[in-house]
């Protein structure tokens, strides 16, 4: 892999057991420090692509993460490099307290108690939820749960963070807080989203996925200004985004 590339994907295909082709020959390079948005209609294969980045799903083709080929031999190291923040935080939070959820990853990575405490503290500070450590995650608001889910990933200090629909179902204030937090992260970021306003605010490059294939990619504002392209793939711009690109 060339220096500077966080992710290199070549001819990635993925088929579900029922024979449905979900990804069809994906070729994609993402450089370290980039913020890349993956957009497209429902069923385009966006979430499936994310799950192929750390081996939750493994398709045919070649995936390299930070210079390592994704295979069974490298799976543990790659999962330390790539953290995924799921769309539904209840899929990510399963412990009685927030502290236990955020500490779970570092504990399983074998860090000392001091290191674990430090990682939990720093992750909670980053998502601006210091003081929530003893609370039950299931009693938090959706916006707070999403930020705790991000903290569970940040505590493992991954090089790459992949988000699946991070702003879905959030009120405007919670969306604003989450966007601010995501923008502040130095990691390479991949964001699957229907929220083109969020994509425009965070991402420097957009990729349109349709029917399992990359059909367009380019600088964010070039994509968002191309109304014909967005209409072709049923990607409504929305009033907030429309005002921003004028």
C-alpha atoms as a PDB file:
ATOM      1  CA  UNK A   1       0.000   0.000   0.000  1.00  0.00           C
ATOM      2  CA  UNK A   2       1.212   3.472  -0.804  1.00  0.00           C
ATOM      3  CA  UNK A   3       2.252   5.698   2.089  1.00  0.00           C
ATOM      4  CA  UNK A   4      -0.600   7.821   3.365  1.00  0.00           C
ATOM      5  CA  UNK A   5      -3.423   5.433   2.538  1.00  0.00           C
ATOM      6  CA  UNK A   6      -5.616   4.326   5.416  1.00  0.00           C
ATOM      7  CA  UNK A   7      -7.865   2.069   3.306  1.00  0.00           C
ATOM      8  CA  UNK A   8      -7.341   0.427  -0.050  1.00  0.00           C
ATOM      9  CA  UNK A   9     -10.185  -1.654  -1.507  1.00  0.00           C
ATOM     10  CA  UNK A  10      -9.841  -3.549  -4.773  1.00  0.00           C
ATOM     11  CA  UNK A  11     -12.653  -5.376  -6.553  1.00  0.00           C
ATOM     12  CA  UNK A  12     -14.613  -6.021  -3.367  1.00  0.00           C
ATOM     13  CA  UNK A  13     -17.733  -8.094  -3.905  1.00  0.00           C
ATOM     14  CA  UNK A  14     -20.153  -9.337  -1.291  1.00  0.00           C
ATOM     15  CA  UNK A  15     -23.087 -11.692  -1.640  1.00  0.00           C
ATOM     16  CA  UNK A  16     -25.564 -12.647   1.043  1.00  0.00           C
ATOM     17  CA  UNK A  17     -26.423 -16.348   1.546  1.00  0.00           C
ATOM     18  CA  UNK A  18     -29.672 -15.947  -0.403  1.00  0.00           C
ATOM     19  CA  UNK A  19     -27.618 -15.048  -3.488  1.00  0.00           C
ATOM     20  CA  UNK A  20     -28.237 -11.290  -3.389  1.00  0.00           C
ATOM     21  CA  UNK A  21     -25.258  -9.345  -4.709  1.00  0.00           C
ATOM     22  CA  UNK A  22     -24.777  -6.403  -2.360  1.00  0.00           C
ATOM     23  CA  UNK A  23     -21.341  -5.112  -3.387  1.00  0.00           C
ATOM     24  CA  UNK A  24     -20.159  -5.418  -6.980  1.00  0.00           C
ATOM     25  CA  UNK A  25     -16.496  -4.755  -7.613  1.00  0.00           C
ATOM     26  CA  UNK A  26     -15.850  -1.833  -5.250  1.00  0.00           C
ATOM     27  CA  UNK A  27     -12.549   0.008  -5.792  1.00  0.00           C
ATOM     28  CA  UNK A  28     -11.812   2.718  -3.267  1.00  0.00           C
ATOM     29  CA  UNK A  29      -8.833   4.479  -1.671  1.00  0.00           C
ATOM     30  CA  UNK A  30      -9.096   6.613   1.467  1.00  0.00           C
ATOM     31  CA  UNK A  31      -6.103   8.559   2.727  1.00  0.00           C
ATOM     32  CA  UNK A  32      -5.122   9.019   6.332  1.00  0.00           C
ATOM     33  CA  UNK A  33      -6.902  11.958   7.930  1.00  0.00           C
ATOM     34  CA  UNK A  34      -9.619  12.149   5.268  1.00  0.00           C
ATOM     35  CA  UNK A  35     -13.290  12.520   6.101  1.00  0.00           C
ATOM     36  CA  UNK A  36     -15.253  10.629   3.472  1.00  0.00           C
ATOM     37  CA  UNK A  37     -19.022  10.441   3.201  1.00  0.00           C
ATOM     38  CA  UNK A  38     -20.777   7.475   1.620  1.00  0.00           C
ATOM     39  CA  UNK A  39     -24.242   8.378   0.407  1.00  0.00           C
ATOM     40  CA  UNK A  40     -26.899   6.618  -1.622  1.00  0.00           C
ATOM     41  CA  UNK A  41     -30.455   5.324  -1.396  1.00  0.00           C
ATOM     42  CA  UNK A  42     -31.592   2.515   0.897  1.00  0.00           C
ATOM     43  CA  UNK A  43     -30.309  -0.861  -0.226  1.00  0.00           C
ATOM     44  CA  UNK A  44     -27.285   0.578  -2.023  1.00  0.00           C
ATOM     45  CA  UNK A  45     -24.844  -1.469   0.096  1.00  0.00           C
ATOM     46  CA  UNK A  46     -23.495   1.347   2.283  1.00  0.00           C
ATOM     47  CA  UNK A  47     -23.714  -0.412   5.649  1.00  0.00           C
ATOM     48  CA  UNK A  48     -22.442  -3.658   4.137  1.00  0.00           C
ATOM     49  CA  UNK A  49     -19.380  -1.806   2.887  1.00  0.00           C
ATOM     50  CA  UNK A  50     -18.673  -0.488   6.401  1.00  0.00           C
ATOM     51  CA  UNK A  51     -18.939  -3.950   7.915  1.00  0.00           C
ATOM     52  CA  UNK A  52     -16.333  -5.203   5.429  1.00  0.00           C
ATOM     53  CA  UNK A  53     -13.796  -2.715   6.810  1.00  0.00           C
ATOM     54  CA  UNK A  54     -13.109  -4.589  10.050  1.00  0.00           C
ATOM     55  CA  UNK A  55     -14.103  -8.115   9.189  1.00  0.00           C
ATOM     56  CA  UNK A  56     -17.606  -8.263  10.653  1.00  0.00           C
ATOM     57  CA  UNK A  57     -18.380  -9.258   7.079  1.00  0.00           C
ATOM     58  CA  UNK A  58     -15.729 -10.564   4.680  1.00  0.00           C
ATOM     59  CA  UNK A  59     -16.359 -10.485   0.959  1.00  0.00           C
ATOM     60  CA  UNK A  60     -14.334 -11.419  -2.090  1.00  0.00           C
ATOM     61  CA  UNK A  61     -11.647  -9.041  -3.247  1.00  0.00           C
ATOM     62  CA  UNK A  62      -8.875  -7.271  -1.365  1.00  0.00           C
ATOM     63  CA  UNK A  63      -9.220  -4.911   1.583  1.00  0.00           C
ATOM     64  CA  UNK A  64      -6.120  -3.324   3.137  1.00  0.00           C
ATOM     65  CA  UNK A  65      -6.279  -1.353   6.370  1.00  0.00           C
ATOM     66  CA  UNK A  66      -3.239   0.752   7.281  1.00  0.00           C
ATOM     67  CA  UNK A  67      -1.146  -1.456   5.005  1.00  0.00           C
ATOM     68  CA  UNK A  68      -2.460  -4.775   6.381  1.00  0.00           C
ATOM     69  CA  UNK A  69      -4.552  -7.137   4.302  1.00  0.00           C
ATOM     70  CA  UNK A  70      -7.858  -7.963   5.943  1.00  0.00           C
ATOM     71  CA  UNK A  71      -7.737 -11.691   6.616  1.00  0.00           C
ATOM     72  CA  UNK A  72      -8.185 -14.025   9.578  1.00  0.00           C
ATOM     73  CA  UNK A  73      -4.525 -13.732  10.545  1.00  0.00           C
ATOM     74  CA  UNK A  74      -4.702  -9.922  10.811  1.00  0.00           C
ATOM     75  CA  UNK A  75      -8.277  -9.643  12.068  1.00  0.00           C
ATOM     76  CA  UNK A  76      -7.477  -8.773  15.694  1.00  0.00           C
ATOM     77  CA  UNK A  77      -5.003  -6.034  14.718  1.00  0.00           C
ATOM     78  CA  UNK A  78      -7.358  -4.615  12.112  1.00  0.00           C
ATOM     79  CA  UNK A  79     -10.221  -4.413  14.597  1.00  0.00           C
ATOM     80  CA  UNK A  80      -7.927  -2.339  16.802  1.00  0.00           C
ATOM     81  CA  UNK A  81      -7.369  -0.001  13.831  1.00  0.00           C
ATOM     82  CA  UNK A  82     -11.005   0.353  12.705  1.00  0.00           C
ATOM     83  CA  UNK A  83     -13.830   1.271  15.061  1.00  0.00           C
ATOM     84  CA  UNK A  84     -17.451   1.197  13.907  1.00  0.00           C
ATOM     85  CA  UNK A  85     -20.179   3.313  15.495  1.00  0.00           C
ATOM     86  CA  UNK A  86     -23.474   1.611  14.716  1.00  0.00           C
ATOM     87  CA  UNK A  87     -26.673   3.397  13.746  1.00  0.00           C
ATOM     88  CA  UNK A  88     -28.583   2.065  16.759  1.00  0.00           C
ATOM     89  CA  UNK A  89     -26.634   2.692  19.983  1.00  0.00           C
ATOM     90  CA  UNK A  90     -28.533  -0.105  21.710  1.00  0.00           C
ATOM     91  CA  UNK A  91     -26.561  -2.487  19.476  1.00  0.00           C
ATOM     92  CA  UNK A  92     -23.353  -1.115  21.028  1.00  0.00           C
ATOM     93  CA  UNK A  93     -24.249  -0.517  24.672  1.00  0.00           C
ATOM     94  CA  UNK A  94     -24.859  -3.603  26.786  1.00  0.00           C
ATOM     95  CA  UNK A  95     -23.285  -2.988  30.220  1.00  0.00           C
ATOM     96  CA  UNK A  96     -24.993  -1.768  33.406  1.00  0.00           C
ATOM     97  CA  UNK A  97     -23.048   1.510  33.469  1.00  0.00           C
ATOM     98  CA  UNK A  98     -21.548   3.896  30.957  1.00  0.00           C
ATOM     99  CA  UNK A  99     -18.083   3.381  32.481  1.00  0.00           C
ATOM    100  CA  UNK A 100     -18.251  -0.368  31.917  1.00  0.00           C
ATOM    101  CA  UNK A 101     -19.322   0.095  28.295  1.00  0.00           C
ATOM    102  CA  UNK A 102     -16.526   2.552  27.527  1.00  0.00           C
ATOM    103  CA  UNK A 103     -13.957   0.459  29.421  1.00  0.00           C
ATOM    104  CA  UNK A 104     -14.964  -2.802  27.742  1.00  0.00           C
ATOM    105  CA  UNK A 105     -12.707  -2.435  24.696  1.00  0.00           C
ATOM    106  CA  UNK A 106      -9.518  -1.391  26.537  1.00  0.00           C
ATOM    107  CA  UNK A 107     -10.079  -4.162  29.093  1.00  0.00           C
ATOM    108  CA  UNK A 108     -10.230  -6.749  26.330  1.00  0.00           C
ATOM    109  CA  UNK A 109      -7.113  -5.241  24.749  1.00  0.00           C
ATOM    110  CA  UNK A 110      -5.249  -5.991  27.992  1.00  0.00           C
ATOM    111  CA  UNK A 111      -4.477  -2.483  29.203  1.00  0.00           C
ATOM    112  CA  UNK A 112      -3.604  -1.763  32.828  1.00  0.00           C
ATOM    113  CA  UNK A 113      -6.206  -0.372  35.206  1.00  0.00           C
ATOM    114  CA  UNK A 114      -4.556   3.065  35.105  1.00  0.00           C
ATOM    115  CA  UNK A 115      -4.548   3.086  31.303  1.00  0.00           C
ATOM    116  CA  UNK A 116      -8.176   1.959  31.176  1.00  0.00           C
ATOM    117  CA  UNK A 117      -9.253   4.731  33.543  1.00  0.00           C
ATOM    118  CA  UNK A 118      -7.291   7.281  31.509  1.00  0.00           C
ATOM    119  CA  UNK A 119      -8.830   6.098  28.240  1.00  0.00           C
ATOM    120  CA  UNK A 120     -12.368   6.178  29.647  1.00  0.00           C
ATOM    121  CA  UNK A 121     -11.845   9.664  31.078  1.00  0.00           C
ATOM    122  CA  UNK A 122     -10.421  11.048  27.817  1.00  0.00           C
ATOM    123  CA  UNK A 123     -13.136   9.425  25.685  1.00  0.00           C
ATOM    124  CA  UNK A 124     -15.883  10.834  27.898  1.00  0.00           C
ATOM    125  CA  UNK A 125     -14.294  14.282  27.802  1.00  0.00           C
ATOM    126  CA  UNK A 126     -14.149  14.146  24.000  1.00  0.00           C
ATOM    127  CA  UNK A 127     -17.873  13.396  23.697  1.00  0.00           C
ATOM    128  CA  UNK A 128     -18.584  15.989  26.416  1.00  0.00           C
ATOM    129  CA  UNK A 129     -20.244  13.559  28.817  1.00  0.00           C
ATOM    130  CA  UNK A 130     -17.835  13.677  31.760  1.00  0.00           C
ATOM    131  CA  UNK A 131     -19.721  12.741  34.933  1.00  0.00           C
ATOM    132  CA  UNK A 132     -21.981  10.234  33.165  1.00  0.00           C
ATOM    133  CA  UNK A 133     -19.736   7.264  33.970  1.00  0.00           C
ATOM    134  CA  UNK A 134     -21.942   5.763  36.708  1.00  0.00           C
ATOM    135  CA  UNK A 135     -25.209   6.242  34.851  1.00  0.00           C
ATOM    136  CA  UNK A 136     -27.113   3.489  33.105  1.00  0.00           C
ATOM    137  CA  UNK A 137     -26.759   3.895  29.324  1.00  0.00           C
ATOM    138  CA  UNK A 138     -30.331   2.714  28.844  1.00  0.00           C
ATOM    139  CA  UNK A 139     -31.680   5.723  30.777  1.00  0.00           C
ATOM    140  CA  UNK A 140     -29.931   8.263  28.547  1.00  0.00           C
ATOM    141  CA  UNK A 141     -31.440  10.227  25.695  1.00  0.00           C
ATOM    142  CA  UNK A 142     -30.812   9.006  22.151  1.00  0.00           C
ATOM    143  CA  UNK A 143     -28.295  11.786  21.553  1.00  0.00           C
ATOM    144  CA  UNK A 144     -26.412  10.895  24.746  1.00  0.00           C
ATOM    145  CA  UNK A 145     -26.471   7.204  23.849  1.00  0.00           C
ATOM    146  CA  UNK A 146     -24.958   7.964  20.443  1.00  0.00           C
ATOM    147  CA  UNK A 147     -22.166   9.946  22.058  1.00  0.00           C
ATOM    148  CA  UNK A 148     -21.482   7.146  24.556  1.00  0.00           C
ATOM    149  CA  UNK A 149     -21.367   4.700  21.622  1.00  0.00           C
ATOM    150  CA  UNK A 150     -18.716   6.906  20.058  1.00  0.00           C
ATOM    151  CA  UNK A 151     -16.834   6.960  23.378  1.00  0.00           C
ATOM    152  CA  UNK A 152     -16.724   3.132  23.395  1.00  0.00           C
ATOM    153  CA  UNK A 153     -14.844   3.361  20.104  1.00  0.00           C
ATOM    154  CA  UNK A 154     -12.635   6.314  21.068  1.00  0.00           C
ATOM    155  CA  UNK A 155     -11.402   4.503  24.189  1.00  0.00           C
ATOM    156  CA  UNK A 156      -9.639   2.051  21.869  1.00  0.00           C
ATOM    157  CA  UNK A 157      -7.924   4.916  19.961  1.00  0.00           C
ATOM    158  CA  UNK A 158      -8.534   3.535  16.460  1.00  0.00           C
ATOM    159  CA  UNK A 159      -6.864   5.094  13.421  1.00  0.00           C
ATOM    160  CA  UNK A 160     -10.134   4.872  11.468  1.00  0.00           C
ATOM    161  CA  UNK A 161     -13.685   5.471  12.692  1.00  0.00           C
ATOM    162  CA  UNK A 162     -16.650   4.426  10.565  1.00  0.00           C
ATOM    163  CA  UNK A 163     -20.093   5.845  11.366  1.00  0.00           C
ATOM    164  CA  UNK A 164     -23.377   4.322  10.208  1.00  0.00           C
ATOM    165  CA  UNK A 165     -26.079   7.025  10.003  1.00  0.00           C
ATOM    166  CA  UNK A 166     -24.810   8.952  13.046  1.00  0.00           C
ATOM    167  CA  UNK A 167     -27.427  11.722  12.905  1.00  0.00           C
ATOM    168  CA  UNK A 168     -30.512   9.563  12.340  1.00  0.00           C
ATOM    169  CA  UNK A 169     -33.497  10.331  14.603  1.00  0.00           C
ATOM    170  CA  UNK A 170     -31.680  13.099  16.476  1.00  0.00           C
ATOM    171  CA  UNK A 171     -33.195  16.479  17.273  1.00  0.00           C
ATOM    172  CA  UNK A 172     -31.404  19.512  15.770  1.00  0.00           C
ATOM    173  CA  UNK A 173     -29.470  20.349  18.954  1.00  0.00           C
ATOM    174  CA  UNK A 174     -28.230  16.773  19.375  1.00  0.00           C
ATOM    175  CA  UNK A 175     -27.237  16.692  15.711  1.00  0.00           C
ATOM    176  CA  UNK A 176     -25.262  19.902  16.154  1.00  0.00           C
ATOM    177  CA  UNK A 177     -23.428  18.512  19.202  1.00  0.00           C
ATOM    178  CA  UNK A 178     -22.596  15.267  17.432  1.00  0.00           C
ATOM    179  CA  UNK A 179     -21.368  17.018  14.274  1.00  0.00           C
ATOM    180  CA  UNK A 180     -19.116  19.243  16.398  1.00  0.00           C
ATOM    181  CA  UNK A 181     -17.656  16.198  18.156  1.00  0.00           C
ATOM    182  CA  UNK A 182     -17.078  14.221  14.963  1.00  0.00           C
ATOM    183  CA  UNK A 183     -15.400  17.193  13.258  1.00  0.00           C
ATOM    184  CA  UNK A 184     -12.980  17.514  16.183  1.00  0.00           C
ATOM    185  CA  UNK A 185     -11.653  13.956  15.816  1.00  0.00           C
ATOM    186  CA  UNK A 186      -8.231  13.606  14.163  1.00  0.00           C
ATOM    187  CA  UNK A 187      -8.938  10.040  12.993  1.00  0.00           C
ATOM    188  CA  UNK A 188      -9.680   9.054   9.427  1.00  0.00           C
ATOM    189  CA  UNK A 189     -13.483   9.145   9.229  1.00  0.00           C
ATOM    190  CA  UNK A 190     -15.943   7.298   6.990  1.00  0.00           C
ATOM    191  CA  UNK A 191     -19.546   8.393   7.389  1.00  0.00           C
ATOM    192  CA  UNK A 192     -22.522   6.579   5.915  1.00  0.00           C
ATOM    193  CA  UNK A 193     -25.405   9.027   5.967  1.00  0.00           C
ATOM    194  CA  UNK A 194     -28.631  10.187   4.357  1.00  0.00           C
ATOM    195  CA  UNK A 195     -28.052  13.592   5.959  1.00  0.00           C
ATOM    196  CA  UNK A 196     -26.407  15.610   3.200  1.00  0.00           C
ATOM    197  CA  UNK A 197     -26.133  18.613   5.523  1.00  0.00           C
ATOM    198  CA  UNK A 198     -23.993  16.555   7.901  1.00  0.00           C
ATOM    199  CA  UNK A 199     -21.981  15.206   4.978  1.00  0.00           C
ATOM    200  CA  UNK A 200     -21.409  18.721   3.709  1.00  0.00           C
ATOM    201  CA  UNK A 201     -20.314  19.966   7.112  1.00  0.00           C
ATOM    202  CA  UNK A 202     -17.902  17.120   7.944  1.00  0.00           C
ATOM    203  CA  UNK A 203     -16.688  15.415   4.774  1.00  0.00           C
ATOM    204  CA  UNK A 204     -14.133  16.614   2.252  1.00  0.00           C
ATOM    205  CA  UNK A 205     -15.101  13.919  -0.254  1.00  0.00           C
ATOM    206  CA  UNK A 206     -18.351  12.121  -1.110  1.00  0.00           C
ATOM    207  CA  UNK A 207     -18.950   8.753  -2.703  1.00  0.00           C
ATOM    208  CA  UNK A 208     -22.336   7.798  -4.139  1.00  0.00           C
ATOM    209  CA  UNK A 209     -23.131   4.112  -3.867  1.00  0.00           C
ATOM    210  CA  UNK A 210     -26.008   2.728  -5.919  1.00  0.00           C
ATOM    211  CA  UNK A 211     -27.035  -0.885  -6.378  1.00  0.00           C
ATOM    212  CA  UNK A 212     -23.729  -2.094  -4.925  1.00  0.00           C
ATOM    213  CA  UNK A 213     -21.506   0.034  -7.151  1.00  0.00           C
ATOM    214  CA  UNK A 214     -19.708   3.368  -6.859  1.00  0.00           C
ATOM    215  CA  UNK A 215     -21.434   5.551  -9.428  1.00  0.00           C
ATOM    216  CA  UNK A 216     -19.876   8.924  -8.559  1.00  0.00           C
ATOM    217  CA  UNK A 217     -17.245  10.430  -6.293  1.00  0.00           C
ATOM    218  CA  UNK A 218     -15.658  13.824  -5.879  1.00  0.00           C
ATOM    219  CA  UNK A 219     -15.143  16.796  -3.641  1.00  0.00           C
ATOM    220  CA  UNK A 220     -18.126  17.316  -1.360  1.00  0.00           C
ATOM    221  CA  UNK A 221     -19.368  20.615  -2.723  1.00  0.00           C
ATOM    222  CA  UNK A 222     -18.961  19.508  -6.335  1.00  0.00           C
ATOM    223  CA  UNK A 223     -21.278  16.579  -5.599  1.00  0.00           C
ATOM    224  CA  UNK A 224     -23.773  18.622  -3.588  1.00  0.00           C
ATOM    225  CA  UNK A 225     -24.027  21.307  -6.269  1.00  0.00           C
ATOM    226  CA  UNK A 226     -24.830  18.721  -8.930  1.00  0.00           C
ATOM    227  CA  UNK A 227     -28.614  18.632  -8.539  1.00  0.00           C
ATOM    228  CA  UNK A 228     -29.081  16.423 -11.590  1.00  0.00           C
ATOM    229  CA  UNK A 229     -26.723  13.807 -10.121  1.00  0.00           C
ATOM    230  CA  UNK A 230     -28.451  13.882  -6.733  1.00  0.00           C
ATOM    231  CA  UNK A 231     -31.899  13.572  -8.310  1.00  0.00           C
ATOM    232  CA  UNK A 232     -30.759  10.625 -10.404  1.00  0.00           C
ATOM    233  CA  UNK A 233     -29.992   8.656  -7.253  1.00  0.00           C
ATOM    234  CA  UNK A 234     -32.893   9.969  -5.152  1.00  0.00           C
ATOM    235  CA  UNK A 235     -30.756  12.036  -2.796  1.00  0.00           C
ATOM    236  CA  UNK A 236     -32.809  15.032  -1.613  1.00  0.00           C
ATOM    237  CA  UNK A 237     -30.635  18.003  -0.762  1.00  0.00           C
ATOM    238  CA  UNK A 238     -32.873  19.478   1.942  1.00  0.00           C
ATOM    239  CA  UNK A 239     -33.415  23.138   2.753  1.00  0.00           C
ATOM    240  CA  UNK A 240     -30.524  23.492   5.238  1.00  0.00           C
ATOM    241  CA  UNK A 241     -28.013  22.089   2.769  1.00  0.00           C
ATOM    242  CA  UNK A 242     -29.455  24.058  -0.127  1.00  0.00           C
ATOM    243  CA  UNK A 243     -28.936  27.328   1.744  1.00  0.00           C
ATOM    244  CA  UNK A 244     -25.327  26.413   2.604  1.00  0.00           C
ATOM    245  CA  UNK A 245     -24.177  25.751  -0.968  1.00  0.00           C
ATOM    246  CA  UNK A 246     -25.636  28.911  -2.497  1.00  0.00           C
END
